[in-house]
């Protein structure tokens, strides 16, 4: 039996995806985004009544959180990676502001020495991050990133949705070490997107995908 929450999420995302290239109803589009975004974050971020993230945390112990699967990373990495991507794309590429990671001092709280997106990490680095991440700090960091995204999105205007990222902001990701040279393909990918495209993928669909992968790893661990 299909999960009705996942069915709903996918259906609404498809509607939003089809609507945003030519937003006839900007406010409804923003509200729909906030619902989808809220469902992939904790209820502490958006009290919608259901959260995929809270469902995951509620069924996961520390061993499952940290366990590394060859070729599939770990749940720890997936949650951290999703938060890093959302942080830098929303705060630097769209808002032209500073990262939540740096602005709120999360680099020390998280307990790791990795500050990029993690796309170019080798297995040893993934294991190191997975074993070192402070679980409570990661949850709080993800909440802070999610809340900041809501603030940014609520400040957008209809004309912003068609804007593309300024090259200087892409360069800033490299300058701050948010993207490493080995993962520079991300800059080409993001540089071709409009703001609405960035909201659809890094800030919503990307998180949803990694949460679903995390649920699968959780089930895999139990078998």
N, C-alpha and C. Protein backbone atom coordinates (compact mmCIF):
# COMPACT_ATOMS: atom_id res chain seq x y z
N UNK A 1 0.84 -1.20 0.00
CA UNK A 1 0.00 0.00 0.00
C UNK A 1 0.88 1.25 0.00
N UNK A 2 0.57 2.18 -0.88
CA UNK A 2 1.36 3.38 -0.99
C UNK A 2 1.13 4.31 0.20
N UNK A 3 2.21 4.95 0.62
CA UNK A 3 2.12 5.90 1.72
C UNK A 3 1.40 7.15 1.23
N UNK A 4 0.25 7.51 1.82
CA UNK A 4 -0.51 8.67 1.34
C UNK A 4 0.26 9.98 1.45
N UNK A 5 1.15 10.09 2.44
CA UNK A 5 1.93 11.33 2.58
C UNK A 5 2.92 11.49 1.43
N UNK A 6 3.51 10.39 0.99
CA UNK A 6 4.44 10.45 -0.13
C UNK A 6 3.69 10.68 -1.44
N UNK A 7 2.55 10.05 -1.57
CA UNK A 7 1.72 10.28 -2.76
C UNK A 7 1.34 11.76 -2.85
N UNK A 8 0.89 12.32 -1.73
CA UNK A 8 0.51 13.73 -1.70
C UNK A 8 1.70 14.62 -2.05
N UNK A 9 2.86 14.33 -1.45
CA UNK A 9 4.04 15.16 -1.69
C UNK A 9 4.40 15.16 -3.17
N UNK A 10 4.45 13.99 -3.76
CA UNK A 10 4.82 13.88 -5.17
C UNK A 10 3.81 14.56 -6.08
N UNK A 11 2.52 14.42 -5.77
CA UNK A 11 1.48 15.04 -6.59
C UNK A 11 1.59 16.56 -6.53
N UNK A 12 1.77 17.10 -5.32
CA UNK A 12 1.85 18.55 -5.16
C UNK A 12 3.12 19.11 -5.78
N UNK A 13 4.21 18.34 -5.67
CA UNK A 13 5.46 18.79 -6.28
C UNK A 13 5.32 18.89 -7.79
N UNK A 14 4.66 17.90 -8.39
CA UNK A 14 4.45 17.92 -9.85
C UNK A 14 3.63 19.13 -10.25
N UNK A 15 2.61 19.45 -9.48
CA UNK A 15 1.80 20.63 -9.78
C UNK A 15 2.66 21.90 -9.70
N UNK A 16 3.45 21.99 -8.66
CA UNK A 16 4.31 23.16 -8.48
C UNK A 16 5.34 23.24 -9.60
N UNK A 17 5.91 22.12 -9.96
CA UNK A 17 6.91 22.06 -11.03
C UNK A 17 6.31 22.55 -12.35
N UNK A 18 5.07 22.19 -12.61
CA UNK A 18 4.41 22.59 -13.86
C UNK A 18 3.95 24.05 -13.82
N UNK A 19 3.74 24.59 -12.62
CA UNK A 19 3.18 25.93 -12.47
C UNK A 19 4.25 27.01 -12.44
N UNK A 20 5.37 26.76 -11.77
CA UNK A 20 6.33 27.82 -11.51
C UNK A 20 7.05 28.43 -12.70
N UNK A 21 7.25 27.72 -13.81
CA UNK A 21 7.90 28.42 -14.93
C UNK A 21 7.14 29.66 -15.38
N UNK A 22 5.81 29.62 -15.24
CA UNK A 22 4.99 30.79 -15.56
C UNK A 22 3.98 30.98 -14.43
N UNK A 23 4.43 31.55 -13.33
CA UNK A 23 3.57 31.61 -12.13
C UNK A 23 2.40 32.57 -12.28
N UNK A 24 1.22 32.02 -12.53
CA UNK A 24 0.02 32.85 -12.62
C UNK A 24 -0.51 33.20 -11.24
N UNK A 25 -0.17 32.39 -10.26
CA UNK A 25 -0.65 32.62 -8.91
C UNK A 25 0.52 32.49 -7.95
N UNK A 26 1.27 33.56 -7.82
CA UNK A 26 2.52 33.56 -7.06
C UNK A 26 2.31 33.14 -5.61
N UNK A 27 1.31 33.69 -4.96
CA UNK A 27 1.09 33.41 -3.55
C UNK A 27 0.77 31.94 -3.31
N UNK A 28 -0.06 31.35 -4.16
CA UNK A 28 -0.38 29.94 -4.01
C UNK A 28 0.84 29.05 -4.23
N UNK A 29 1.68 29.45 -5.20
CA UNK A 29 2.91 28.70 -5.45
C UNK A 29 3.83 28.74 -4.23
N UNK A 30 3.98 29.91 -3.65
CA UNK A 30 4.83 30.05 -2.46
C UNK A 30 4.26 29.21 -1.32
N UNK A 31 2.97 29.27 -1.13
CA UNK A 31 2.35 28.49 -0.05
C UNK A 31 2.52 26.99 -0.28
N UNK A 32 2.41 26.57 -1.52
CA UNK A 32 2.58 25.15 -1.83
C UNK A 32 4.02 24.72 -1.57
N UNK A 33 4.97 25.58 -1.96
CA UNK A 33 6.37 25.28 -1.67
C UNK A 33 6.60 25.13 -0.17
N UNK A 34 6.04 26.05 0.61
CA UNK A 34 6.26 26.02 2.05
C UNK A 34 5.68 24.75 2.68
N UNK A 35 4.59 24.25 2.14
CA UNK A 35 4.02 22.99 2.63
C UNK A 35 4.97 21.84 2.33
N UNK A 36 5.45 21.76 1.08
CA UNK A 36 6.36 20.68 0.69
C UNK A 36 7.67 20.76 1.46
N UNK A 37 8.17 21.96 1.61
CA UNK A 37 9.41 22.18 2.36
C UNK A 37 9.21 21.80 3.82
N UNK A 38 8.08 22.16 4.38
CA UNK A 38 7.80 21.83 5.77
C UNK A 38 7.74 20.34 6.02
N UNK A 39 7.24 19.59 5.08
CA UNK A 39 7.10 18.14 5.25
C UNK A 39 8.45 17.42 5.25
N UNK A 40 9.48 18.04 4.68
CA UNK A 40 10.81 17.41 4.68
C UNK A 40 11.70 17.98 5.78
N UNK A 41 11.09 18.75 6.67
CA UNK A 41 11.79 19.26 7.84
C UNK A 41 11.02 18.87 9.10
N UNK A 42 11.64 19.11 10.22
CA UNK A 42 11.01 18.82 11.51
C UNK A 42 9.79 19.71 11.72
N UNK A 43 8.88 19.24 12.55
CA UNK A 43 7.72 20.06 12.91
C UNK A 43 8.13 21.30 13.69
N UNK A 44 9.36 21.34 14.18
CA UNK A 44 9.86 22.55 14.82
C UNK A 44 10.10 23.65 13.80
N UNK A 45 10.22 23.27 12.54
CA UNK A 45 10.41 24.24 11.47
C UNK A 45 9.06 24.71 10.93
N UNK A 46 8.17 23.77 10.70
CA UNK A 46 6.85 24.10 10.15
C UNK A 46 5.82 23.15 10.73
N UNK A 47 4.99 23.63 11.60
CA UNK A 47 4.03 22.78 12.32
C UNK A 47 2.84 22.43 11.44
N UNK A 48 3.07 21.54 10.47
CA UNK A 48 2.03 21.20 9.51
C UNK A 48 1.21 19.98 9.92
N UNK A 49 1.68 19.26 10.91
CA UNK A 49 0.98 18.06 11.32
C UNK A 49 1.67 16.78 10.89
N UNK A 50 2.56 16.86 9.89
CA UNK A 50 3.32 15.68 9.48
C UNK A 50 4.70 16.08 9.01
N UNK A 51 5.70 15.26 9.36
CA UNK A 51 7.08 15.52 8.98
C UNK A 51 7.77 14.20 8.64
N UNK A 52 8.29 14.08 7.41
CA UNK A 52 9.07 12.91 7.05
C UNK A 52 10.32 12.82 7.91
N UNK A 53 10.93 13.97 8.18
CA UNK A 53 12.15 13.97 8.99
C UNK A 53 11.89 13.46 10.40
N UNK A 54 10.81 13.94 11.04
CA UNK A 54 10.50 13.47 12.39
C UNK A 54 10.17 11.98 12.39
N UNK A 55 9.53 11.51 11.33
CA UNK A 55 9.23 10.08 11.22
C UNK A 55 10.53 9.28 11.18
N UNK A 56 11.51 9.78 10.43
CA UNK A 56 12.80 9.10 10.34
C UNK A 56 13.50 9.06 11.70
N UNK A 57 13.60 10.22 12.36
CA UNK A 57 14.28 10.27 13.65
C UNK A 57 13.57 9.40 14.69
N UNK A 58 12.26 9.32 14.60
CA UNK A 58 11.51 8.55 15.57
C UNK A 58 11.69 7.05 15.45
N UNK A 59 12.22 6.60 14.31
CA UNK A 59 12.41 5.17 14.09
C UNK A 59 13.89 4.77 14.01
N UNK A 60 14.77 5.68 14.40
CA UNK A 60 16.20 5.47 14.18
C UNK A 60 16.99 5.59 15.47
N UNK A 61 17.90 4.64 15.69
CA UNK A 61 18.81 4.76 16.82
C UNK A 61 20.17 5.27 16.32
N UNK A 62 21.09 5.48 17.24
CA UNK A 62 22.38 6.09 16.85
C UNK A 62 23.18 5.18 15.93
N UNK A 63 23.13 3.88 16.17
CA UNK A 63 23.88 2.95 15.32
C UNK A 63 23.40 3.02 13.88
N UNK A 64 22.08 3.08 13.69
CA UNK A 64 21.53 3.18 12.34
C UNK A 64 21.90 4.51 11.69
N UNK A 65 21.91 5.56 12.48
CA UNK A 65 22.27 6.89 11.99
C UNK A 65 23.69 6.91 11.43
N UNK A 66 24.60 6.24 12.12
CA UNK A 66 26.03 6.33 11.76
C UNK A 66 26.50 5.24 10.80
N UNK A 67 25.74 4.17 10.62
CA UNK A 67 26.22 3.03 9.85
C UNK A 67 26.46 3.40 8.39
N UNK A 68 27.65 3.02 7.90
CA UNK A 68 28.04 3.30 6.52
C UNK A 68 27.72 2.11 5.62
N UNK A 69 27.10 2.40 4.48
CA UNK A 69 26.82 1.39 3.48
C UNK A 69 27.65 1.70 2.24
N UNK A 70 28.51 0.79 1.86
CA UNK A 70 29.38 1.02 0.71
C UNK A 70 28.57 1.38 -0.52
N UNK A 71 28.93 2.50 -1.13
CA UNK A 71 28.23 2.96 -2.32
C UNK A 71 26.95 3.72 -2.04
N UNK A 72 26.55 3.80 -0.76
CA UNK A 72 25.30 4.47 -0.42
C UNK A 72 25.44 5.46 0.73
N UNK A 73 26.64 5.75 1.15
CA UNK A 73 26.94 6.66 2.27
C UNK A 73 26.32 6.15 3.58
N UNK A 74 25.74 7.05 4.33
CA UNK A 74 25.09 6.73 5.61
C UNK A 74 23.93 7.69 5.78
N UNK A 75 23.05 7.39 6.70
CA UNK A 75 21.95 8.32 6.98
C UNK A 75 22.52 9.63 7.52
N UNK A 76 23.55 9.54 8.34
CA UNK A 76 24.19 10.75 8.87
C UNK A 76 24.65 11.65 7.74
N UNK A 77 25.35 11.05 6.77
CA UNK A 77 25.85 11.84 5.63
C UNK A 77 24.70 12.43 4.84
N UNK A 78 23.65 11.68 4.58
CA UNK A 78 22.54 12.15 3.76
C UNK A 78 21.84 13.35 4.41
N UNK A 79 21.64 13.30 5.72
CA UNK A 79 20.97 14.41 6.41
C UNK A 79 21.87 15.64 6.46
N UNK A 80 23.15 15.42 6.73
CA UNK A 80 24.12 16.53 6.76
C UNK A 80 24.26 17.16 5.37
N UNK A 81 24.43 16.32 4.36
CA UNK A 81 24.59 16.77 2.98
C UNK A 81 23.38 17.59 2.52
N UNK A 82 22.18 17.10 2.82
CA UNK A 82 20.96 17.82 2.44
C UNK A 82 20.92 19.21 3.06
N UNK A 83 21.30 19.29 4.32
CA UNK A 83 21.30 20.58 5.02
C UNK A 83 22.35 21.52 4.44
N UNK A 84 23.54 21.01 4.10
CA UNK A 84 24.59 21.85 3.54
C UNK A 84 24.16 22.41 2.19
N UNK A 85 23.56 21.55 1.36
CA UNK A 85 23.11 22.01 0.04
C UNK A 85 22.05 23.09 0.18
N UNK A 86 21.08 22.86 1.05
CA UNK A 86 20.02 23.87 1.24
C UNK A 86 20.60 25.16 1.77
N UNK A 87 21.50 25.05 2.73
CA UNK A 87 22.11 26.24 3.34
C UNK A 87 22.77 27.12 2.30
N UNK A 88 23.65 26.54 1.49
CA UNK A 88 24.44 27.38 0.57
C UNK A 88 23.63 27.86 -0.63
N UNK A 89 22.71 27.03 -1.14
CA UNK A 89 21.94 27.48 -2.30
C UNK A 89 20.93 28.56 -1.94
N UNK A 90 20.30 28.44 -0.80
CA UNK A 90 19.32 29.44 -0.41
C UNK A 90 19.98 30.73 0.09
N UNK A 91 20.97 30.60 0.94
CA UNK A 91 21.55 31.78 1.59
C UNK A 91 22.58 32.52 0.75
N UNK A 92 23.34 31.79 -0.05
CA UNK A 92 24.33 32.46 -0.89
C UNK A 92 23.79 32.71 -2.29
N UNK A 93 23.28 31.68 -2.95
CA UNK A 93 22.87 31.84 -4.35
C UNK A 93 21.61 32.66 -4.51
N UNK A 94 20.65 32.52 -3.62
CA UNK A 94 19.41 33.30 -3.75
C UNK A 94 19.45 34.58 -2.92
N UNK A 95 19.77 34.47 -1.64
CA UNK A 95 19.68 35.63 -0.74
C UNK A 95 20.94 36.50 -0.77
N UNK A 96 22.04 35.98 -1.34
CA UNK A 96 23.31 36.70 -1.34
C UNK A 96 23.72 37.10 0.07
N UNK A 97 23.58 36.15 0.97
CA UNK A 97 23.87 36.38 2.38
C UNK A 97 24.94 35.39 2.83
N UNK A 98 25.16 35.29 4.12
CA UNK A 98 26.14 34.34 4.65
C UNK A 98 25.45 33.02 4.98
N UNK A 99 26.24 31.95 5.00
CA UNK A 99 25.72 30.64 5.34
C UNK A 99 25.26 30.60 6.80
N UNK A 100 24.22 29.84 7.06
CA UNK A 100 23.80 29.59 8.44
C UNK A 100 24.94 28.90 9.19
N UNK A 101 25.64 27.99 8.50
CA UNK A 101 26.75 27.25 9.11
C UNK A 101 27.77 28.18 9.74
N UNK A 102 28.11 29.25 9.03
CA UNK A 102 29.12 30.19 9.49
C UNK A 102 28.51 31.28 10.36
N UNK A 103 27.38 31.81 9.92
CA UNK A 103 26.77 32.94 10.61
C UNK A 103 26.34 32.59 12.03
N UNK A 104 25.94 31.32 12.25
CA UNK A 104 25.46 30.91 13.57
C UNK A 104 26.46 30.01 14.31
N UNK A 105 27.66 29.90 13.77
CA UNK A 105 28.72 29.17 14.47
C UNK A 105 28.53 27.67 14.57
N UNK A 106 27.97 27.05 13.54
CA UNK A 106 27.71 25.61 13.58
C UNK A 106 28.94 24.77 13.29
N UNK A 107 29.99 25.36 12.77
CA UNK A 107 31.17 24.57 12.40
C UNK A 107 31.74 23.80 13.58
N UNK A 108 31.77 24.41 14.75
CA UNK A 108 32.29 23.72 15.94
C UNK A 108 31.22 22.84 16.57
N UNK A 109 29.97 23.28 16.57
CA UNK A 109 28.91 22.52 17.24
C UNK A 109 28.68 21.16 16.60
N UNK A 110 28.83 21.08 15.27
CA UNK A 110 28.55 19.83 14.57
C UNK A 110 29.61 18.76 14.84
N UNK A 111 30.79 19.19 15.25
CA UNK A 111 31.82 18.23 15.61
C UNK A 111 32.58 17.62 14.44
N UNK A 112 32.51 18.26 13.27
CA UNK A 112 33.23 17.73 12.10
C UNK A 112 34.08 18.84 11.49
N UNK A 113 35.03 18.41 10.65
CA UNK A 113 35.91 19.36 9.98
C UNK A 113 35.61 19.46 8.49
N UNK A 114 34.42 19.10 8.11
CA UNK A 114 34.01 19.17 6.71
C UNK A 114 32.97 20.28 6.56
N UNK A 115 33.20 21.19 5.62
CA UNK A 115 32.32 22.34 5.49
C UNK A 115 31.73 22.48 4.08
N UNK A 116 32.11 21.56 3.18
CA UNK A 116 31.58 21.63 1.81
C UNK A 116 30.30 20.80 1.73
N UNK A 117 29.88 20.47 0.52
CA UNK A 117 28.63 19.72 0.32
C UNK A 117 28.80 18.22 0.51
N UNK A 118 30.04 17.76 0.48
CA UNK A 118 30.30 16.33 0.63
C UNK A 118 30.23 15.52 -0.65
N UNK A 119 29.97 16.16 -1.79
CA UNK A 119 29.81 15.43 -3.05
C UNK A 119 31.07 14.70 -3.50
N UNK A 120 32.24 15.22 -3.12
CA UNK A 120 33.49 14.62 -3.57
C UNK A 120 34.16 13.77 -2.49
N UNK A 121 33.48 13.49 -1.39
CA UNK A 121 34.07 12.72 -0.30
C UNK A 121 34.36 11.29 -0.72
N UNK A 122 35.49 10.75 -0.25
CA UNK A 122 35.74 9.33 -0.44
C UNK A 122 35.14 8.56 0.74
N UNK A 123 35.22 7.24 0.69
CA UNK A 123 34.57 6.41 1.71
C UNK A 123 35.11 6.69 3.11
N UNK A 124 36.41 6.87 3.22
CA UNK A 124 37.01 7.13 4.53
C UNK A 124 36.49 8.44 5.14
N UNK A 125 36.32 9.45 4.30
CA UNK A 125 35.81 10.73 4.78
C UNK A 125 34.35 10.62 5.20
N UNK A 126 33.58 9.85 4.45
CA UNK A 126 32.17 9.65 4.80
C UNK A 126 32.05 8.93 6.14
N UNK A 127 32.87 7.92 6.33
CA UNK A 127 32.87 7.20 7.60
C UNK A 127 33.28 8.12 8.74
N UNK A 128 34.31 8.93 8.50
CA UNK A 128 34.78 9.86 9.53
C UNK A 128 33.69 10.84 9.92
N UNK A 129 33.03 11.41 8.92
CA UNK A 129 31.94 12.35 9.20
C UNK A 129 30.80 11.65 9.93
N UNK A 130 30.44 10.46 9.48
CA UNK A 130 29.32 9.72 10.07
C UNK A 130 29.57 9.39 11.54
N UNK A 131 30.82 9.09 11.86
CA UNK A 131 31.15 8.74 13.24
C UNK A 131 31.31 9.94 14.15
N UNK A 132 31.59 11.11 13.56
CA UNK A 132 31.90 12.29 14.36
C UNK A 132 30.73 13.25 14.56
N UNK A 133 29.77 13.24 13.66
CA UNK A 133 28.67 14.20 13.72
C UNK A 133 27.94 14.16 15.07
N UNK A 134 27.72 15.34 15.63
CA UNK A 134 26.91 15.45 16.83
C UNK A 134 25.44 15.39 16.41
N UNK A 135 24.74 14.37 16.85
CA UNK A 135 23.36 14.14 16.40
C UNK A 135 22.45 15.32 16.75
N UNK A 136 22.50 15.77 17.97
CA UNK A 136 21.61 16.87 18.39
C UNK A 136 21.92 18.15 17.64
N UNK A 137 23.22 18.41 17.45
CA UNK A 137 23.61 19.62 16.72
C UNK A 137 23.15 19.55 15.27
N UNK A 138 23.22 18.38 14.66
CA UNK A 138 22.77 18.24 13.28
C UNK A 138 21.28 18.54 13.17
N UNK A 139 20.48 18.01 14.10
CA UNK A 139 19.05 18.29 14.08
C UNK A 139 18.79 19.80 14.22
N UNK A 140 19.50 20.43 15.11
CA UNK A 140 19.31 21.87 15.33
C UNK A 140 19.78 22.68 14.13
N UNK A 141 20.89 22.25 13.52
CA UNK A 141 21.39 22.94 12.33
C UNK A 141 20.39 22.83 11.19
N UNK A 142 19.85 21.64 10.98
CA UNK A 142 18.85 21.47 9.93
C UNK A 142 17.63 22.35 10.19
N UNK A 143 17.22 22.46 11.44
CA UNK A 143 16.10 23.33 11.77
C UNK A 143 16.42 24.79 11.46
N UNK A 144 17.62 25.23 11.80
CA UNK A 144 18.01 26.62 11.55
C UNK A 144 18.04 26.91 10.05
N UNK A 145 18.57 25.96 9.28
CA UNK A 145 18.60 26.12 7.82
C UNK A 145 17.18 26.20 7.27
N UNK A 146 16.31 25.31 7.72
CA UNK A 146 14.93 25.30 7.24
C UNK A 146 14.19 26.59 7.56
N UNK A 147 14.37 27.09 8.77
CA UNK A 147 13.72 28.34 9.17
C UNK A 147 14.23 29.52 8.34
N UNK A 148 15.52 29.51 8.04
CA UNK A 148 16.08 30.60 7.23
C UNK A 148 15.55 30.55 5.81
N UNK A 149 15.39 29.34 5.28
CA UNK A 149 14.82 29.21 3.94
C UNK A 149 13.41 29.78 3.89
N UNK A 150 12.61 29.50 4.90
CA UNK A 150 11.25 30.03 4.96
C UNK A 150 11.28 31.56 4.94
N UNK A 151 12.17 32.14 5.72
CA UNK A 151 12.32 33.60 5.76
C UNK A 151 12.69 34.15 4.39
N UNK A 152 13.61 33.48 3.70
CA UNK A 152 14.05 33.93 2.38
C UNK A 152 12.92 33.84 1.37
N UNK A 153 12.22 32.72 1.36
CA UNK A 153 11.16 32.49 0.38
C UNK A 153 10.01 33.47 0.58
N UNK A 154 9.69 33.75 1.83
CA UNK A 154 8.60 34.71 2.10
C UNK A 154 8.97 36.13 1.66
N UNK A 155 10.24 36.39 1.46
CA UNK A 155 10.68 37.71 1.02
C UNK A 155 10.82 37.85 -0.48
N UNK A 156 10.54 36.78 -1.23
CA UNK A 156 10.67 36.82 -2.69
C UNK A 156 9.50 37.55 -3.34
N UNK A 157 9.75 38.09 -4.52
CA UNK A 157 8.72 38.71 -5.34
C UNK A 157 8.50 37.86 -6.59
N UNK A 158 7.36 38.01 -7.28
CA UNK A 158 7.10 37.20 -8.47
C UNK A 158 8.22 37.25 -9.50
N UNK A 159 8.81 38.42 -9.70
CA UNK A 159 9.86 38.55 -10.71
C UNK A 159 11.15 37.82 -10.33
N UNK A 160 11.32 37.54 -9.03
CA UNK A 160 12.52 36.83 -8.59
C UNK A 160 12.58 35.40 -9.12
N UNK A 161 11.44 34.78 -9.34
CA UNK A 161 11.42 33.37 -9.72
C UNK A 161 12.12 33.10 -11.04
N UNK A 162 12.18 34.09 -11.92
CA UNK A 162 12.81 33.89 -13.22
C UNK A 162 14.29 34.31 -13.24
N UNK A 163 14.77 34.85 -12.13
CA UNK A 163 16.17 35.26 -12.07
C UNK A 163 17.09 34.06 -12.10
N UNK A 164 18.29 34.28 -12.64
CA UNK A 164 19.34 33.27 -12.58
C UNK A 164 20.43 33.74 -11.62
N UNK A 165 21.19 32.80 -11.13
CA UNK A 165 22.22 33.10 -10.13
C UNK A 165 23.33 33.93 -10.74
N UNK A 166 23.76 34.96 -10.02
CA UNK A 166 24.88 35.77 -10.47
C UNK A 166 26.18 34.97 -10.34
N UNK A 167 27.06 35.05 -11.36
CA UNK A 167 28.33 34.29 -11.33
C UNK A 167 29.16 34.56 -10.08
N UNK A 168 29.11 35.78 -9.55
CA UNK A 168 29.91 36.10 -8.36
C UNK A 168 29.46 35.28 -7.16
N UNK A 169 28.19 34.92 -7.10
CA UNK A 169 27.69 34.11 -5.99
C UNK A 169 28.15 32.66 -6.13
N UNK A 170 28.23 32.18 -7.35
CA UNK A 170 28.76 30.84 -7.58
C UNK A 170 30.23 30.78 -7.18
N UNK A 171 30.96 31.84 -7.52
CA UNK A 171 32.37 31.90 -7.13
C UNK A 171 32.53 31.94 -5.62
N UNK A 172 31.59 32.59 -4.95
CA UNK A 172 31.64 32.68 -3.49
C UNK A 172 31.59 31.29 -2.85
N UNK A 173 30.87 30.36 -3.47
CA UNK A 173 30.80 29.00 -2.94
C UNK A 173 32.19 28.35 -2.93
N UNK A 174 32.95 28.62 -3.98
CA UNK A 174 34.33 28.10 -4.04
C UNK A 174 35.22 28.82 -3.04
N UNK A 175 35.08 30.13 -2.98
CA UNK A 175 35.93 30.93 -2.10
C UNK A 175 35.75 30.55 -0.63
N UNK A 176 34.52 30.18 -0.26
CA UNK A 176 34.24 29.83 1.13
C UNK A 176 34.41 28.34 1.42
N UNK A 177 34.78 27.58 0.40
CA UNK A 177 34.96 26.15 0.59
C UNK A 177 33.67 25.37 0.71
N UNK A 178 32.56 26.00 0.33
CA UNK A 178 31.27 25.31 0.38
C UNK A 178 31.17 24.27 -0.73
N UNK A 179 31.86 24.52 -1.82
CA UNK A 179 32.00 23.55 -2.92
C UNK A 179 33.48 23.40 -3.20
N UNK A 180 33.96 22.17 -3.26
CA UNK A 180 35.38 21.93 -3.54
C UNK A 180 35.59 21.78 -5.04
N UNK A 181 36.84 21.94 -5.49
CA UNK A 181 37.14 21.89 -6.92
C UNK A 181 36.68 20.59 -7.55
N UNK A 182 36.77 19.49 -6.81
CA UNK A 182 36.39 18.20 -7.36
C UNK A 182 34.88 18.09 -7.62
N UNK A 183 34.12 19.01 -7.07
CA UNK A 183 32.66 18.99 -7.26
C UNK A 183 32.17 20.25 -7.98
N UNK A 184 33.05 20.86 -8.78
CA UNK A 184 32.70 22.12 -9.45
C UNK A 184 31.55 21.97 -10.42
N UNK A 185 31.24 20.74 -10.82
CA UNK A 185 30.10 20.54 -11.71
C UNK A 185 28.80 21.05 -11.11
N UNK A 186 28.74 21.10 -9.78
CA UNK A 186 27.55 21.65 -9.12
C UNK A 186 27.31 23.10 -9.52
N UNK A 187 28.39 23.85 -9.72
CA UNK A 187 28.25 25.26 -10.06
C UNK A 187 27.64 25.43 -11.44
N UNK A 188 28.04 24.57 -12.39
CA UNK A 188 27.44 24.61 -13.72
C UNK A 188 25.96 24.26 -13.65
N UNK A 189 25.64 23.27 -12.84
CA UNK A 189 24.26 22.82 -12.69
C UNK A 189 23.39 23.93 -12.09
N UNK A 190 23.84 24.49 -10.98
CA UNK A 190 23.07 25.55 -10.32
C UNK A 190 23.05 26.83 -11.14
N UNK A 191 24.14 27.09 -11.87
CA UNK A 191 24.22 28.32 -12.66
C UNK A 191 23.21 28.37 -13.79
N UNK A 192 22.71 27.22 -14.21
CA UNK A 192 21.73 27.18 -15.30
C UNK A 192 20.30 27.30 -14.79
N UNK A 193 20.12 27.24 -13.49
CA UNK A 193 18.77 27.25 -12.93
C UNK A 193 18.29 28.66 -12.60
N UNK A 194 16.98 28.83 -12.65
CA UNK A 194 16.36 30.04 -12.13
C UNK A 194 16.17 29.87 -10.63
N UNK A 195 15.76 30.94 -9.97
CA UNK A 195 15.48 30.82 -8.53
C UNK A 195 14.41 29.78 -8.27
N UNK A 196 13.38 29.75 -9.12
CA UNK A 196 12.33 28.75 -8.92
C UNK A 196 12.90 27.34 -9.08
N UNK A 197 13.84 27.17 -10.00
CA UNK A 197 14.48 25.87 -10.17
C UNK A 197 15.28 25.46 -8.95
N UNK A 198 15.94 26.41 -8.32
CA UNK A 198 16.70 26.12 -7.09
C UNK A 198 15.76 25.75 -5.95
N UNK A 199 14.62 26.40 -5.89
CA UNK A 199 13.66 26.07 -4.84
C UNK A 199 13.07 24.68 -5.06
N UNK A 200 12.87 24.31 -6.30
CA UNK A 200 12.29 23.00 -6.60
C UNK A 200 13.23 21.85 -6.28
N UNK A 201 14.52 22.05 -6.54
CA UNK A 201 15.40 20.91 -6.33
C UNK A 201 16.17 20.99 -5.00
N UNK A 202 17.13 21.87 -4.81
CA UNK A 202 17.87 21.78 -3.54
C UNK A 202 17.00 21.94 -2.30
N UNK A 203 16.02 22.81 -2.35
CA UNK A 203 15.28 23.14 -1.12
C UNK A 203 14.05 22.27 -0.88
N UNK A 204 13.73 21.41 -1.81
CA UNK A 204 12.56 20.55 -1.60
C UNK A 204 12.81 19.13 -2.11
N UNK A 205 12.88 18.94 -3.42
CA UNK A 205 13.01 17.59 -3.98
C UNK A 205 14.30 16.90 -3.52
N UNK A 206 15.39 17.62 -3.47
CA UNK A 206 16.67 17.04 -3.06
C UNK A 206 16.58 16.45 -1.66
N UNK A 207 15.95 17.18 -0.74
CA UNK A 207 15.80 16.69 0.63
C UNK A 207 14.89 15.47 0.66
N UNK A 208 13.79 15.53 -0.08
CA UNK A 208 12.83 14.44 -0.13
C UNK A 208 13.50 13.15 -0.62
N UNK A 209 14.33 13.27 -1.65
CA UNK A 209 15.03 12.10 -2.21
C UNK A 209 15.94 11.47 -1.16
N UNK A 210 16.72 12.30 -0.46
CA UNK A 210 17.65 11.76 0.52
C UNK A 210 16.94 11.22 1.76
N UNK A 211 15.81 11.78 2.11
CA UNK A 211 15.03 11.21 3.21
C UNK A 211 14.51 9.83 2.83
N UNK A 212 14.02 9.69 1.60
CA UNK A 212 13.53 8.39 1.14
C UNK A 212 14.67 7.37 1.11
N UNK A 213 15.85 7.80 0.67
CA UNK A 213 17.01 6.91 0.70
C UNK A 213 17.35 6.50 2.13
N UNK A 214 17.20 7.44 3.06
CA UNK A 214 17.50 7.16 4.46
C UNK A 214 16.53 6.13 5.03
N UNK A 215 15.26 6.25 4.69
CA UNK A 215 14.28 5.25 5.13
C UNK A 215 14.64 3.87 4.57
N UNK A 216 15.11 3.84 3.34
CA UNK A 216 15.49 2.57 2.74
C UNK A 216 16.69 1.97 3.47
N UNK A 217 17.68 2.80 3.81
CA UNK A 217 18.83 2.31 4.56
C UNK A 217 18.43 1.83 5.95
N UNK A 218 17.45 2.50 6.53
CA UNK A 218 16.96 2.08 7.83
C UNK A 218 16.34 0.69 7.76
N UNK A 219 15.58 0.44 6.70
CA UNK A 219 14.97 -0.88 6.52
C UNK A 219 16.02 -1.92 6.19
N UNK A 220 17.03 -1.51 5.42
CA UNK A 220 18.11 -2.42 5.05
C UNK A 220 18.87 -2.88 6.28
N UNK A 221 19.06 -1.97 7.21
CA UNK A 221 19.77 -2.30 8.43
C UNK A 221 19.00 -3.35 9.24
N UNK A 222 17.67 -3.28 9.18
CA UNK A 222 16.84 -4.17 9.98
C UNK A 222 16.77 -5.58 9.42
N UNK A 223 17.14 -5.75 8.14
CA UNK A 223 17.01 -7.07 7.51
C UNK A 223 18.20 -7.98 7.83
